[in-house]
Amino acid sequence: PLLAIVKWFDRPVPIRWQHVLFFGNIKGSLSMALPLSLPLA
């Protein structure tokens, strides 16, 4: 939805690029570190 809006005010992002951005939704270090810093209570 958000990249569909881009074409209104900028060069459109091709749909195949959007597929890469969707499938490249990989998690990493920050997603692991933040939970460990949660309050013990």
PDB file of all heavy atoms in Angstrom:
ATOM      1  N   PRO A   1       0.816  -1.235   0.000  1.00  0.00           N
ATOM      2  CA  PRO A   1       0.000   0.000   0.000  1.00  0.00           C
ATOM      3  C   PRO A   1       0.843   1.277   0.000  1.00  0.00           C
ATOM      4  O   PRO A   1       0.544   2.219  -0.739  1.00  0.00           O
ATOM      5  CB  PRO A   1      -0.819  -0.120   1.293  1.00  0.00           C
ATOM      6  CG  PRO A   1      -0.844  -1.570   1.604  1.00  0.00           C
ATOM      7  CD  PRO A   1       0.474  -2.098   1.156  1.00  0.00           C
ATOM      8  N   LEU A   2       1.900   1.315   0.813  1.00  0.00           N
ATOM      9  CA  LEU A   2       2.702   2.545   0.908  1.00  0.00           C
ATOM     10  C   LEU A   2       3.478   2.818  -0.378  1.00  0.00           C
ATOM     11  O   LEU A   2       3.570   3.962  -0.825  1.00  0.00           O
ATOM     12  CB  LEU A   2       3.664   2.453   2.093  1.00  0.00           C
ATOM     13  CG  LEU A   2       3.027   2.538   3.484  1.00  0.00           C
ATOM     14  CD1 LEU A   2       4.078   2.334   4.563  1.00  0.00           C
ATOM     15  CD2 LEU A   2       2.319   3.876   3.679  1.00  0.00           C
ATOM     16  N   LEU A   3       4.035   1.777  -0.983  1.00  0.00           N
ATOM     17  CA  LEU A   3       4.785   1.991  -2.221  1.00  0.00           C
ATOM     18  C   LEU A   3       3.864   2.249  -3.409  1.00  0.00           C
ATOM     19  O   LEU A   3       4.310   2.780  -4.429  1.00  0.00           O
ATOM     20  CB  LEU A   3       5.707   0.800  -2.489  1.00  0.00           C
ATOM     21  CG  LEU A   3       6.846   0.627  -1.483  1.00  0.00           C
ATOM     22  CD1 LEU A   3       7.751  -0.527  -1.879  1.00  0.00           C
ATOM     23  CD2 LEU A   3       7.656   1.910  -1.344  1.00  0.00           C
ATOM     24  N   ALA A   4       2.595   1.880  -3.273  1.00  0.00           N
ATOM     25  CA  ALA A   4       1.629   2.248  -4.313  1.00  0.00           C
ATOM     26  C   ALA A   4       1.379   3.758  -4.298  1.00  0.00           C
ATOM     27  O   ALA A   4       1.068   4.359  -5.334  1.00  0.00           O
ATOM     28  CB  ALA A   4       0.319   1.490  -4.107  1.00  0.00           C
ATOM     29  N   ILE A   5       1.541   4.371  -3.117  1.00  0.00           N
ATOM     30  CA  ILE A   5       1.339   5.822  -2.988  1.00  0.00           C
ATOM     31  C   ILE A   5       2.501   6.593  -3.601  1.00  0.00           C
ATOM     32  O   ILE A   5       2.331   7.717  -4.071  1.00  0.00           O
ATOM     33  CB  ILE A   5       1.172   6.192  -1.495  1.00  0.00           C
ATOM     34  CG1 ILE A   5      -0.044   5.481  -0.911  1.00  0.00           C
ATOM     35  CG2 ILE A   5       1.068   7.692  -1.286  1.00  0.00           C
ATOM     36  CD1 ILE A   5      -0.186   5.656   0.599  1.00  0.00           C
ATOM     37  N   VAL A   6       3.691   5.981  -3.604  1.00  0.00           N
ATOM     38  CA  VAL A   6       4.897   6.680  -4.061  1.00  0.00           C
ATOM     39  C   VAL A   6       4.736   7.223  -5.470  1.00  0.00           C
ATOM     40  O   VAL A   6       5.232   8.316  -5.792  1.00  0.00           O
ATOM     41  CB  VAL A   6       6.127   5.741  -3.972  1.00  0.00           C
ATOM     42  CG1 VAL A   6       7.343   6.347  -4.657  1.00  0.00           C
ATOM     43  CG2 VAL A   6       6.457   5.436  -2.517  1.00  0.00           C
ATOM     44  N   LYS A   7       4.064   6.505  -6.327  1.00  0.00           N
ATOM     45  CA  LYS A   7       3.936   6.921  -7.737  1.00  0.00           C
ATOM     46  C   LYS A   7       3.185   8.238  -7.894  1.00  0.00           C
ATOM     47  O   LYS A   7       3.228   8.857  -8.967  1.00  0.00           O
ATOM     48  CB  LYS A   7       3.243   5.826  -8.551  1.00  0.00           C
ATOM     49  CG  LYS A   7       1.816   5.539  -8.122  1.00  0.00           C
ATOM     50  CD  LYS A   7       1.235   4.392  -8.948  1.00  0.00           C
ATOM     51  CE  LYS A   7      -0.197   4.069  -8.507  1.00  0.00           C
ATOM     52  NZ  LYS A   7      -0.758   2.907  -9.255  1.00  0.00           N
ATOM     53  N   TRP A   8       2.491   8.704  -6.840  1.00  0.00           N
ATOM     54  CA  TRP A   8       1.784   9.971  -6.918  1.00  0.00           C
ATOM     55  C   TRP A   8       2.738  11.161  -6.869  1.00  0.00           C
ATOM     56  O   TRP A   8       2.406  12.228  -7.377  1.00  0.00           O
ATOM     57  CB  TRP A   8       0.767  10.083  -5.773  1.00  0.00           C
ATOM     58  CG  TRP A   8      -0.331   9.055  -5.831  1.00  0.00           C
ATOM     59  CD1 TRP A   8      -0.639   8.225  -6.875  1.00  0.00           C
ATOM     60  CD2 TRP A   8      -1.276   8.764  -4.804  1.00  0.00           C
ATOM     61  NE1 TRP A   8      -1.697   7.416  -6.565  1.00  0.00           N
ATOM     62  CE2 TRP A   8      -2.131   7.719  -5.286  1.00  0.00           C
ATOM     63  CE3 TRP A   8      -1.514   9.253  -3.526  1.00  0.00           C
ATOM     64  CZ2 TRP A   8      -3.163   7.191  -4.548  1.00  0.00           C
ATOM     65  CZ3 TRP A   8      -2.551   8.732  -2.769  1.00  0.00           C
ATOM     66  CH2 TRP A   8      -3.374   7.703  -3.277  1.00  0.00           C
ATOM     67  N   PHE A   9       3.890  11.002  -6.217  1.00  0.00           N
ATOM     68  CA  PHE A   9       4.798  12.143  -6.064  1.00  0.00           C
ATOM     69  C   PHE A   9       6.266  11.791  -6.329  1.00  0.00           C
ATOM     70  O   PHE A   9       7.146  12.612  -6.087  1.00  0.00           O
ATOM     71  CB  PHE A   9       4.677  12.727  -4.647  1.00  0.00           C
ATOM     72  CG  PHE A   9       4.694  11.712  -3.546  1.00  0.00           C
ATOM     73  CD1 PHE A   9       5.880  11.156  -3.096  1.00  0.00           C
ATOM     74  CD2 PHE A   9       3.500  11.295  -2.969  1.00  0.00           C
ATOM     75  CE1 PHE A   9       5.882  10.220  -2.086  1.00  0.00           C
ATOM     76  CE2 PHE A   9       3.503  10.345  -1.953  1.00  0.00           C
ATOM     77  CZ  PHE A   9       4.702   9.808  -1.514  1.00  0.00           C
ATOM     78  N   ASP A  10       6.539  10.585  -6.838  1.00  0.00           N
ATOM     79  CA  ASP A  10       7.908  10.194  -7.135  1.00  0.00           C
ATOM     80  C   ASP A  10       7.882   9.072  -8.174  1.00  0.00           C
ATOM     81  O   ASP A  10       6.811   8.563  -8.527  1.00  0.00           O
ATOM     82  CB  ASP A  10       8.609   9.720  -5.859  1.00  0.00           C
ATOM     83  CG  ASP A  10      10.131   9.715  -5.988  1.00  0.00           C
ATOM     84  OD1 ASP A  10      10.631  10.112  -7.065  1.00  0.00           O
ATOM     85  OD2 ASP A  10      10.822   9.304  -5.033  1.00  0.00           O
ATOM     86  N   ARG A  11       9.069   8.670  -8.629  1.00  0.00           N
ATOM     87  CA  ARG A  11       9.136   7.548  -9.561  1.00  0.00           C
ATOM     88  C   ARG A  11       8.544   6.304  -8.912  1.00  0.00           C
ATOM     89  O   ARG A  11       8.863   5.994  -7.762  1.00  0.00           O
ATOM     90  CB  ARG A  11      10.583   7.264  -9.957  1.00  0.00           C
ATOM     91  CG  ARG A  11      11.176   8.251 -10.938  1.00  0.00           C
ATOM     92  CD  ARG A  11      12.569   7.807 -11.332  1.00  0.00           C
ATOM     93  NE  ARG A  11      13.464   7.742 -10.192  1.00  0.00           N
ATOM     94  CZ  ARG A  11      14.627   7.103 -10.190  1.00  0.00           C
ATOM     95  NH1 ARG A  11      15.021   6.436 -11.265  1.00  0.00           N
ATOM     96  NH2 ARG A  11      15.392   7.106  -9.110  1.00  0.00           N
ATOM     97  N   PRO A  12       7.692   5.568  -9.605  1.00  0.00           N
ATOM     98  CA  PRO A  12       7.086   4.368  -9.007  1.00  0.00           C
ATOM     99  C   PRO A  12       8.134   3.292  -8.746  1.00  0.00           C
ATOM    100  O   PRO A  12       9.141   3.192  -9.449  1.00  0.00           O
ATOM    101  CB  PRO A  12       6.080   3.917 -10.061  1.00  0.00           C
ATOM    102  CG  PRO A  12       6.567   4.494 -11.346  1.00  0.00           C
ATOM    103  CD  PRO A  12       7.223   5.792 -10.994  1.00  0.00           C
ATOM    104  N   VAL A  13       7.891   2.495  -7.713  1.00  0.00           N
ATOM    105  CA  VAL A  13       8.748   1.354  -7.392  1.00  0.00           C
ATOM    106  C   VAL A  13       8.158   0.130  -8.069  1.00  0.00           C
ATOM    107  O   VAL A  13       7.008  -0.239  -7.787  1.00  0.00           O
ATOM    108  CB  VAL A  13       8.829   1.132  -5.871  1.00  0.00           C
ATOM    109  CG1 VAL A  13       9.690  -0.095  -5.548  1.00  0.00           C
ATOM    110  CG2 VAL A  13       9.393   2.368  -5.174  1.00  0.00           C
ATOM    111  N   PRO A  14       8.878  -0.508  -9.001  1.00  0.00           N
ATOM    112  CA  PRO A  14       8.321  -1.667  -9.728  1.00  0.00           C
ATOM    113  C   PRO A  14       7.824  -2.748  -8.783  1.00  0.00           C
ATOM    114  O   PRO A  14       8.361  -2.943  -7.689  1.00  0.00           O
ATOM    115  CB  PRO A  14       9.523  -2.154 -10.553  1.00  0.00           C
ATOM    116  CG  PRO A  14      10.399  -0.954 -10.712  1.00  0.00           C
ATOM    117  CD  PRO A  14      10.240  -0.176  -9.433  1.00  0.00           C
ATOM    118  N   ILE A  15       6.796  -3.449  -9.214  1.00  0.00           N
ATOM    119  CA  ILE A  15       6.166  -4.449  -8.362  1.00  0.00           C
ATOM    120  C   ILE A  15       7.130  -5.566  -7.992  1.00  0.00           C
ATOM    121  O   ILE A  15       7.088  -6.103  -6.879  1.00  0.00           O
ATOM    122  CB  ILE A  15       4.891  -5.018  -9.050  1.00  0.00           C
ATOM    123  CG1 ILE A  15       4.099  -5.902  -8.080  1.00  0.00           C
ATOM    124  CG2 ILE A  15       5.264  -5.785 -10.316  1.00  0.00           C
ATOM    125  CD1 ILE A  15       3.503  -5.168  -6.923  1.00  0.00           C
ATOM    126  N   ARG A  16       8.041  -5.938  -8.897  1.00  0.00           N
ATOM    127  CA  ARG A  16       8.998  -6.992  -8.567  1.00  0.00           C
ATOM    128  C   ARG A  16       9.976  -6.533  -7.488  1.00  0.00           C
ATOM    129  O   ARG A  16      10.433  -7.338  -6.684  1.00  0.00           O
ATOM    130  CB  ARG A  16       9.749  -7.437  -9.830  1.00  0.00           C
ATOM    131  CG  ARG A  16       8.906  -8.304 -10.759  1.00  0.00           C
ATOM    132  CD  ARG A  16       9.699  -8.848 -11.920  1.00  0.00           C
ATOM    133  NE  ARG A  16      10.134  -7.792 -12.826  1.00  0.00           N
ATOM    134  CZ  ARG A  16      10.868  -7.991 -13.914  1.00  0.00           C
ATOM    135  NH1 ARG A  16      11.271  -9.206 -14.218  1.00  0.00           N
ATOM    136  NH2 ARG A  16      11.199  -6.979 -14.696  1.00  0.00           N
ATOM    137  N   TRP A  17      10.292  -5.249  -7.466  1.00  0.00           N
ATOM    138  CA  TRP A  17      11.120  -4.720  -6.376  1.00  0.00           C
ATOM    139  C   TRP A  17      10.358  -4.816  -5.055  1.00  0.00           C
ATOM    140  O   TRP A  17      10.947  -5.114  -4.019  1.00  0.00           O
ATOM    141  CB  TRP A  17      11.481  -3.270  -6.650  1.00  0.00           C
ATOM    142  CG  TRP A  17      12.372  -3.048  -7.828  1.00  0.00           C
ATOM    143  CD1 TRP A  17      12.660  -3.937  -8.831  1.00  0.00           C
ATOM    144  CD2 TRP A  17      13.080  -1.855  -8.144  1.00  0.00           C
ATOM    145  NE1 TRP A  17      13.502  -3.369  -9.757  1.00  0.00           N
ATOM    146  CE2 TRP A  17      13.781  -2.086  -9.360  1.00  0.00           C
ATOM    147  CE3 TRP A  17      13.193  -0.618  -7.535  1.00  0.00           C
ATOM    148  CZ2 TRP A  17      14.574  -1.110  -9.953  1.00  0.00           C
ATOM    149  CZ3 TRP A  17      13.988   0.356  -8.120  1.00  0.00           C
ATOM    150  CH2 TRP A  17      14.676   0.107  -9.314  1.00  0.00           C
ATOM    151  N   GLN A  18       9.060  -4.539  -5.118  1.00  0.00           N
ATOM    152  CA  GLN A  18       8.248  -4.623  -3.899  1.00  0.00           C
ATOM    153  C   GLN A  18       8.226  -6.055  -3.365  1.00  0.00           C
ATOM    154  O   GLN A  18       8.217  -6.273  -2.148  1.00  0.00           O
ATOM    155  CB  GLN A  18       6.834  -4.130  -4.190  1.00  0.00           C
ATOM    156  CG  GLN A  18       6.764  -2.661  -4.582  1.00  0.00           C
ATOM    157  CD  GLN A  18       5.351  -2.196  -4.883  1.00  0.00           C
ATOM    158  OE1 GLN A  18       4.391  -2.615  -4.225  1.00  0.00           O
ATOM    159  NE2 GLN A  18       5.203  -1.317  -5.875  1.00  0.00           N
ATOM    160  N   HIS A  19       8.222  -7.035  -4.271  1.00  0.00           N
ATOM    161  CA  HIS A  19       8.276  -8.427  -3.834  1.00  0.00           C
ATOM    162  C   HIS A  19       9.577  -8.697  -3.068  1.00  0.00           C
ATOM    163  O   HIS A  19       9.572  -9.402  -2.050  1.00  0.00           O
ATOM    164  CB  HIS A  19       8.200  -9.367  -5.048  1.00  0.00           C
ATOM    165  CG  HIS A  19       6.913  -9.294  -5.801  1.00  0.00           C
ATOM    166  ND1 HIS A  19       5.742  -8.875  -5.224  1.00  0.00           N
ATOM    167  CD2 HIS A  19       6.621  -9.607  -7.108  1.00  0.00           C
ATOM    168  CE1 HIS A  19       4.778  -8.924  -6.118  1.00  0.00           C
ATOM    169  NE2 HIS A  19       5.279  -9.362  -7.269  1.00  0.00           N
ATOM    170  N   VAL A  20      10.698  -8.146  -3.550  1.00  0.00           N
ATOM    171  CA  VAL A  20      11.980  -8.329  -2.856  1.00  0.00           C
ATOM    172  C   VAL A  20      11.936  -7.684  -1.476  1.00  0.00           C
ATOM    173  O   VAL A  20      12.409  -8.257  -0.486  1.00  0.00           O
ATOM    174  CB  VAL A  20      13.136  -7.737  -3.692  1.00  0.00           C
ATOM    175  CG1 VAL A  20      14.451  -7.782  -2.908  1.00  0.00           C
ATOM    176  CG2 VAL A  20      13.301  -8.500  -4.997  1.00  0.00           C
ATOM    177  N   LEU A  21      11.361  -6.494  -1.383  1.00  0.00           N
ATOM    178  CA  LEU A  21      11.257  -5.812  -0.090  1.00  0.00           C
ATOM    179  C   LEU A  21      10.371  -6.594   0.875  1.00  0.00           C
ATOM    180  O   LEU A  21      10.604  -6.590   2.091  1.00  0.00           O
ATOM    181  CB  LEU A  21      10.703  -4.398  -0.290  1.00  0.00           C
ATOM    182  CG  LEU A  21      11.632  -3.425  -1.023  1.00  0.00           C
ATOM    183  CD1 LEU A  21      10.882  -2.156  -1.411  1.00  0.00           C
ATOM    184  CD2 LEU A  21      12.828  -3.084  -0.156  1.00  0.00           C
ATOM    185  N   PHE A  22       9.354  -7.260   0.341  1.00  0.00           N
ATOM    186  CA  PHE A  22       8.486  -8.077   1.203  1.00  0.00           C
ATOM    187  C   PHE A  22       9.194  -9.351   1.656  1.00  0.00           C
ATOM    188  O   PHE A  22       9.255  -9.655   2.841  1.00  0.00           O
ATOM    189  CB  PHE A  22       7.189  -8.422   0.468  1.00  0.00           C
ATOM    190  CG  PHE A  22       6.374  -9.463   1.163  1.00  0.00           C
ATOM    191  CD1 PHE A  22       5.780  -9.204   2.393  1.00  0.00           C
ATOM    192  CD2 PHE A  22       6.219 -10.733   0.612  1.00  0.00           C
ATOM    193  CE1 PHE A  22       5.035 -10.183   3.046  1.00  0.00           C
ATOM    194  CE2 PHE A  22       5.475 -11.706   1.255  1.00  0.00           C
ATOM    195  CZ  PHE A  22       4.877 -11.435   2.478  1.00  0.00           C
ATOM    196  N   PHE A  23       9.743 -10.101   0.705  1.00  0.00           N
ATOM    197  CA  PHE A  23      10.397 -11.371   1.060  1.00  0.00           C
ATOM    198  C   PHE A  23      11.708 -11.148   1.815  1.00  0.00           C
ATOM    199  O   PHE A  23      12.167 -12.040   2.530  1.00  0.00           O
ATOM    200  CB  PHE A  23      10.655 -12.201  -0.204  1.00  0.00           C
ATOM    201  CG  PHE A  23       9.427 -12.799  -0.807  1.00  0.00           C
ATOM    202  CD1 PHE A  23       8.948 -12.357  -2.029  1.00  0.00           C
ATOM    203  CD2 PHE A  23       8.731 -13.806  -0.147  1.00  0.00           C
ATOM    204  CE1 PHE A  23       7.805 -12.898  -2.590  1.00  0.00           C
ATOM    205  CE2 PHE A  23       7.590 -14.360  -0.701  1.00  0.00           C
ATOM    206  CZ  PHE A  23       7.125 -13.896  -1.929  1.00  0.00           C
ATOM    207  N   GLY A  24      12.308  -9.964   1.655  1.00  0.00           N
ATOM    208  CA  GLY A  24      13.547  -9.666   2.383  1.00  0.00           C
ATOM    209  C   GLY A  24      13.317  -9.163   3.791  1.00  0.00           C
ATOM    210  O   GLY A  24      14.198  -8.538   4.392  1.00  0.00           O
ATOM    211  N   ASN A  25      12.152  -9.442   4.331  1.00  0.00           N
ATOM    212  CA  ASN A  25      11.774  -9.003   5.680  1.00  0.00           C
ATOM    213  C   ASN A  25      12.433  -9.913   6.727  1.00  0.00           C
ATOM    214  O   ASN A  25      11.770 -10.623   7.476  1.00  0.00           O
ATOM    215  CB  ASN A  25      10.239  -9.045   5.785  1.00  0.00           C
ATOM    216  CG  ASN A  25       9.735  -8.568   7.116  1.00  0.00           C
ATOM    217  OD1 ASN A  25      10.346  -7.741   7.769  1.00  0.00           O
ATOM    218  ND2 ASN A  25       8.602  -9.113   7.527  1.00  0.00           N
ATOM    219  N   ILE A  26      13.752  -9.889   6.776  1.00  0.00           N
ATOM    220  CA  ILE A  26      14.519 -10.794   7.649  1.00  0.00           C
ATOM    221  C   ILE A  26      14.855 -10.090   8.958  1.00  0.00           C
ATOM    222  O   ILE A  26      15.192  -8.906   8.965  1.00  0.00           O
ATOM    223  CB  ILE A  26      15.805 -11.255   6.931  1.00  0.00           C
ATOM    224  CG1 ILE A  26      15.440 -11.959   5.623  1.00  0.00           C
ATOM    225  CG2 ILE A  26      16.622 -12.184   7.815  1.00  0.00           C
ATOM    226  CD1 ILE A  26      16.635 -12.265   4.741  1.00  0.00           C
ATOM    227  N   LYS A  27      14.773 -10.801  10.048  1.00  0.00           N
ATOM    228  CA  LYS A  27      15.052 -10.234  11.371  1.00  0.00           C
ATOM    229  C   LYS A  27      16.522 -10.443  11.737  1.00  0.00           C
ATOM    230  O   LYS A  27      17.188 -11.320  11.197  1.00  0.00           O
ATOM    231  CB  LYS A  27      14.146 -10.866  12.427  1.00  0.00           C
ATOM    232  CG  LYS A  27      12.671 -10.824  12.070  1.00  0.00           C
ATOM    233  CD  LYS A  27      12.226  -9.407  11.730  1.00  0.00           C
ATOM    234  CE  LYS A  27      10.902  -9.385  10.971  1.00  0.00           C
ATOM    235  NZ  LYS A  27      10.588  -8.052  10.451  1.00  0.00           N
ATOM    236  N   GLY A  28      17.014  -9.646  12.691  1.00  0.00           N
ATOM    237  CA  GLY A  28      18.431  -9.731  13.033  1.00  0.00           C
ATOM    238  C   GLY A  28      18.740  -9.381  14.469  1.00  0.00           C
ATOM    239  O   GLY A  28      17.953  -9.650  15.382  1.00  0.00           O
ATOM    240  N   SER A  29      19.877  -8.724  14.652  1.00  0.00           N
ATOM    241  CA  SER A  29      20.465  -8.551  15.986  1.00  0.00           C
ATOM    242  C   SER A  29      19.620  -7.676  16.904  1.00  0.00           C
ATOM    243  O   SER A  29      19.462  -7.983  18.087  1.00  0.00           O
ATOM    244  CB  SER A  29      21.866  -7.958  15.846  1.00  0.00           C
ATOM    245  OG  SER A  29      21.816  -6.753  15.101  1.00  0.00           O
ATOM    246  N   LEU A  30      19.097  -6.559  16.391  1.00  0.00           N
ATOM    247  CA  LEU A  30      18.338  -5.655  17.261  1.00  0.00           C
ATOM    248  C   LEU A  30      17.081  -6.330  17.785  1.00  0.00           C
ATOM    249  O   LEU A  30      16.687  -6.109  18.938  1.00  0.00           O
ATOM    250  CB  LEU A  30      17.982  -4.374  16.495  1.00  0.00           C
ATOM    251  CG  LEU A  30      17.418  -3.234  17.352  1.00  0.00           C
ATOM    252  CD1 LEU A  30      18.441  -2.775  18.373  1.00  0.00           C
ATOM    253  CD2 LEU A  30      16.974  -2.062  16.485  1.00  0.00           C
ATOM    254  N   SER A  31      16.450  -7.153  16.953  1.00  0.00           N
ATOM    255  CA  SER A  31      15.253  -7.874  17.387  1.00  0.00           C
ATOM    256  C   SER A  31      15.563  -8.847  18.517  1.00  0.00           C
ATOM    257  O   SER A  31      14.668  -9.224  19.288  1.00  0.00           O
ATOM    258  CB  SER A  31      14.639  -8.644  16.204  1.00  0.00           C
ATOM    259  OG  SER A  31      14.207  -7.759  15.198  1.00  0.00           O
ATOM    260  N   MET A  32      16.825  -9.290  18.621  1.00  0.00           N
ATOM    261  CA  MET A  32      17.233 -10.200  19.694  1.00  0.00           C
ATOM    262  C   MET A  32      17.674  -9.445  20.942  1.00  0.00           C
ATOM    263  O   MET A  32      17.457  -9.885  22.070  1.00  0.00           O
ATOM    264  CB  MET A  32      18.383 -11.086  19.210  1.00  0.00           C
ATOM    265  CG  MET A  32      18.033 -12.033  18.094  1.00  0.00           C
ATOM    266  SD  MET A  32      17.124 -13.475  18.661  1.00  0.00           S
ATOM    267  CE  MET A  32      18.402 -14.387  19.510  1.00  0.00           C
ATOM    268  N   ALA A  33      18.333  -8.309  20.730  1.00  0.00           N
ATOM    269  CA  ALA A  33      18.913  -7.586  21.866  1.00  0.00           C
ATOM    270  C   ALA A  33      17.856  -6.856  22.684  1.00  0.00           C
ATOM    271  O   ALA A  33      17.907  -6.847  23.926  1.00  0.00           O
ATOM    272  CB  ALA A  33      19.961  -6.597  21.370  1.00  0.00           C
ATOM    273  N   LEU A  34      16.886  -6.246  22.025  1.00  0.00           N
ATOM    274  CA  LEU A  34      15.892  -5.452  22.754  1.00  0.00           C
ATOM    275  C   LEU A  34      15.072  -6.268  23.752  1.00  0.00           C
ATOM    276  O   LEU A  34      14.828  -5.803  24.871  1.00  0.00           O
ATOM    277  CB  LEU A  34      14.970  -4.734  21.757  1.00  0.00           C
ATOM    278  CG  LEU A  34      15.592  -3.577  20.980  1.00  0.00           C
ATOM    279  CD1 LEU A  34      14.561  -2.964  20.025  1.00  0.00           C
ATOM    280  CD2 LEU A  34      16.126  -2.507  21.917  1.00  0.00           C
ATOM    281  N   PRO A  35      14.594  -7.478  23.416  1.00  0.00           N
ATOM    282  CA  PRO A  35      13.833  -8.236  24.418  1.00  0.00           C
ATOM    283  C   PRO A  35      14.624  -8.532  25.691  1.00  0.00           C
ATOM    284  O   PRO A  35      14.054  -8.562  26.788  1.00  0.00           O
ATOM    285  CB  PRO A  35      13.473  -9.537  23.680  1.00  0.00           C
ATOM    286  CG  PRO A  35      13.516  -9.193  22.245  1.00  0.00           C
ATOM    287  CD  PRO A  35      14.594  -8.172  22.118  1.00  0.00           C
ATOM    288  N   LEU A  36      15.935  -8.752  25.568  1.00  0.00           N
ATOM    289  CA  LEU A  36      16.734  -9.055  26.747  1.00  0.00           C
ATOM    290  C   LEU A  36      16.880  -7.861  27.679  1.00  0.00           C
ATOM    291  O   LEU A  36      17.210  -8.022  28.855  1.00  0.00           O
ATOM    292  CB  LEU A  36      18.130  -9.552  26.329  1.00  0.00           C
ATOM    293  CG  LEU A  36      18.186 -10.926  25.665  1.00  0.00           C
ATOM    294  CD1 LEU A  36      19.609 -11.236  25.221  1.00  0.00           C
ATOM    295  CD2 LEU A  36      17.686 -12.007  26.609  1.00  0.00           C
ATOM    296  N   SER A  37      16.652  -6.657  27.142  1.00  0.00           N
ATOM    297  CA  SER A  37      16.781  -5.462  27.979  1.00  0.00           C
ATOM    298  C   SER A  37      15.454  -5.041  28.607  1.00  0.00           C
ATOM    299  O   SER A  37      15.358  -3.976  29.213  1.00  0.00           O
ATOM    300  CB  SER A  37      17.343  -4.307  27.140  1.00  0.00           C
ATOM    301  OG  SER A  37      16.482  -3.997  26.068  1.00  0.00           O
ATOM    302  N   LEU A  38      14.425  -5.876  28.482  1.00  0.00           N
ATOM    303  CA  LEU A  38      13.129  -5.563  29.077  1.00  0.00           C
ATOM    304  C   LEU A  38      13.207  -5.610  30.601  1.00  0.00           C
ATOM    305  O   LEU A  38      13.990  -6.382  31.172  1.00  0.00           O
ATOM    306  CB  LEU A  38      12.074  -6.568  28.600  1.00  0.00           C
ATOM    307  CG  LEU A  38      11.629  -6.468  27.136  1.00  0.00           C
ATOM    308  CD1 LEU A  38      10.758  -7.657  26.767  1.00  0.00           C
ATOM    309  CD2 LEU A  38      10.893  -5.159  26.892  1.00  0.00           C
ATOM    310  N   PRO A  39      12.402  -4.811  31.302  1.00  0.00           N
ATOM    311  CA  PRO A  39      12.378  -4.847  32.776  1.00  0.00           C
ATOM    312  C   PRO A  39      11.992  -6.235  33.288  1.00  0.00           C
ATOM    313  O   PRO A  39      11.116  -6.892  32.725  1.00  0.00           O
ATOM    314  CB  PRO A  39      11.299  -3.815  33.144  1.00  0.00           C
ATOM    315  CG  PRO A  39      11.184  -2.931  31.943  1.00  0.00           C
ATOM    316  CD  PRO A  39      11.495  -3.780  30.751  1.00  0.00           C
ATOM    317  N   LEU A  40      12.661  -6.685  34.329  1.00  0.00           N
ATOM    318  CA  LEU A  40      12.394  -8.010  34.888  1.00  0.00           C
ATOM    319  C   LEU A  40      10.968  -8.132  35.420  1.00  0.00           C
ATOM    320  O   LEU A  40      10.414  -9.226  35.463  1.00  0.00           O
ATOM    321  CB  LEU A  40      13.396  -8.307  36.007  1.00  0.00           C
ATOM    322  CG  LEU A  40      14.860  -8.436  35.571  1.00  0.00           C
ATOM    323  CD1 LEU A  40      15.767  -8.594  36.795  1.00  0.00           C
ATOM    324  CD2 LEU A  40      15.035  -9.614  34.630  1.00  0.00           C
ATOM    325  N   ALA A  41      10.386  -7.003  35.820  1.00  0.00           N
ATOM    326  CA  ALA A  41       9.040  -7.040  36.399  1.00  0.00           C
ATOM    327  C   ALA A  41       7.935  -7.079  35.353  1.00  0.00           C
ATOM    328  O   ALA A  41       6.757  -7.215  35.701  1.00  0.00           O
ATOM    329  CB  ALA A  41       8.842  -5.810  37.304  1.00  0.00           C
TER     330      ALA A  41
END
